[in-house]
């Protein structure tokens, strides 16, 4: 899947999860972030730095959405697999005795 189509699918997933997504200038002043998720006035929001190329927007959005329960929405298999792999990377590794 091409980057633009993948990015659109991730953006659509955010919308279906009732998460407002926007691209803003995040490199001004003291803020130096690629993006993140937060609550504002009772709604979840994701803001991603608008200057990122599509591939980096995909990485940031994948990382953020993999931490959200996306099991209740339909996703393209490639998108679901990408989110699940990202979630697995975040999961704490079980300690071996």
Protein backbone atom coordinates (compact mmCIF):
# COMPACT_ATOMS: atom_id res chain seq x y z
CA UNK A 1 0.00 0.00 0.00
CA UNK A 2 1.38 3.41 -0.92
CA UNK A 3 2.12 5.92 1.81
CA UNK A 4 -0.71 8.29 0.89
CA UNK A 5 -3.31 5.48 0.90
CA UNK A 6 -1.96 4.11 4.18
CA UNK A 7 -2.00 7.54 5.77
CA UNK A 8 -5.59 8.07 4.62
CA UNK A 9 -6.60 4.71 6.10
CA UNK A 10 -5.01 5.62 9.44
CA UNK A 11 -6.72 9.03 9.40
CA UNK A 12 -10.04 7.31 8.69
CA UNK A 13 -9.41 4.91 11.58
CA UNK A 14 -8.88 7.85 13.92
CA UNK A 15 -12.17 9.36 12.76
CA UNK A 16 -14.03 6.07 13.31
CA UNK A 17 -12.54 5.95 16.81
CA UNK A 18 -14.00 9.44 17.42
CA UNK A 19 -10.55 10.99 17.70
CA UNK A 20 -10.19 14.43 16.16
CA UNK A 21 -6.97 14.60 14.12
CA UNK A 22 -5.20 17.74 13.01
CA UNK A 23 -1.83 18.72 11.60
CA UNK A 24 -0.30 21.75 13.29
CA UNK A 25 3.05 23.53 13.46
CA UNK A 26 4.64 21.90 16.52
CA UNK A 27 8.18 23.19 16.14
CA UNK A 28 7.53 26.74 17.32
CA UNK A 29 8.79 28.07 20.63
CA UNK A 30 9.30 25.48 23.32
CA UNK A 31 7.32 22.67 21.68
CA UNK A 32 9.47 20.15 19.83
CA UNK A 33 7.30 17.11 19.21
CA UNK A 34 6.27 14.98 16.25
CA UNK A 35 2.80 14.71 17.77
CA UNK A 36 0.67 13.07 20.42
CA UNK A 37 -2.75 12.25 21.76
CA UNK A 38 -4.55 14.03 24.58
CA UNK A 39 -7.96 14.86 25.99
CA UNK A 40 -9.39 18.35 25.47
CA UNK A 41 -12.82 19.30 26.81
CA UNK A 42 -13.93 15.70 26.95
CA UNK A 43 -12.78 14.66 23.48
CA UNK A 44 -9.69 12.78 22.36
CA UNK A 45 -7.44 14.67 19.99
CA UNK A 46 -4.34 13.85 18.02
CA UNK A 47 -2.06 16.59 16.79
CA UNK A 48 0.80 15.78 14.43
CA UNK A 49 3.50 18.15 13.20
CA UNK A 50 2.42 19.32 9.75
CA UNK A 51 5.98 19.52 8.41
CA UNK A 52 6.53 15.77 8.57
CA UNK A 53 6.65 13.80 5.33
CA UNK A 54 3.93 11.16 4.81
CA UNK A 55 6.16 8.27 5.96
CA UNK A 56 6.85 9.96 9.31
CA UNK A 57 3.20 10.94 9.73
CA UNK A 58 2.38 7.25 9.26
CA UNK A 59 4.90 6.25 11.93
CA UNK A 60 3.58 8.79 14.43
CA UNK A 61 -0.07 7.99 13.78
CA UNK A 62 0.59 4.24 13.90
CA UNK A 63 2.38 4.60 17.22
CA UNK A 64 -0.46 6.67 18.68
CA UNK A 65 -3.33 4.54 17.38
CA UNK A 66 -1.67 1.30 18.47
CA UNK A 67 -2.21 2.46 22.05
CA UNK A 68 -5.96 2.86 21.52
CA UNK A 69 -8.54 0.04 21.46
CA UNK A 70 -9.17 -0.36 17.75
CA UNK A 71 -10.70 -3.84 17.97
CA UNK A 72 -14.25 -2.57 17.44
CA UNK A 73 -13.71 -0.97 14.04
CA UNK A 74 -13.12 -2.39 10.58
CA UNK A 75 -9.59 -1.86 9.31
CA UNK A 76 -7.86 -2.99 6.17
CA UNK A 77 -5.71 -6.05 6.97
CA UNK A 78 -2.46 -4.18 6.28
CA UNK A 79 -3.47 -1.34 8.62
CA UNK A 80 -4.61 -3.71 11.39
CA UNK A 81 -1.36 -5.69 11.10
CA UNK A 82 0.72 -2.52 11.32
CA UNK A 83 -1.16 -1.35 14.42
CA UNK A 84 -0.91 -4.76 16.09
CA UNK A 85 2.85 -4.95 15.46
CA UNK A 86 3.31 -1.48 16.93
CA UNK A 87 1.21 -2.44 19.98
CA UNK A 88 3.32 -5.57 20.49
CA UNK A 89 6.50 -3.49 20.50
CA UNK A 90 5.02 -1.29 23.23
CA UNK A 91 3.91 -4.20 25.41
CA UNK A 92 6.23 -4.89 28.35
CA UNK A 93 8.24 -8.03 27.87
CA UNK A 94 7.50 -10.81 30.35
CA UNK A 95 10.37 -11.39 32.70
CA UNK A 96 11.84 -14.87 32.54
CA UNK A 97 12.50 -16.57 35.85
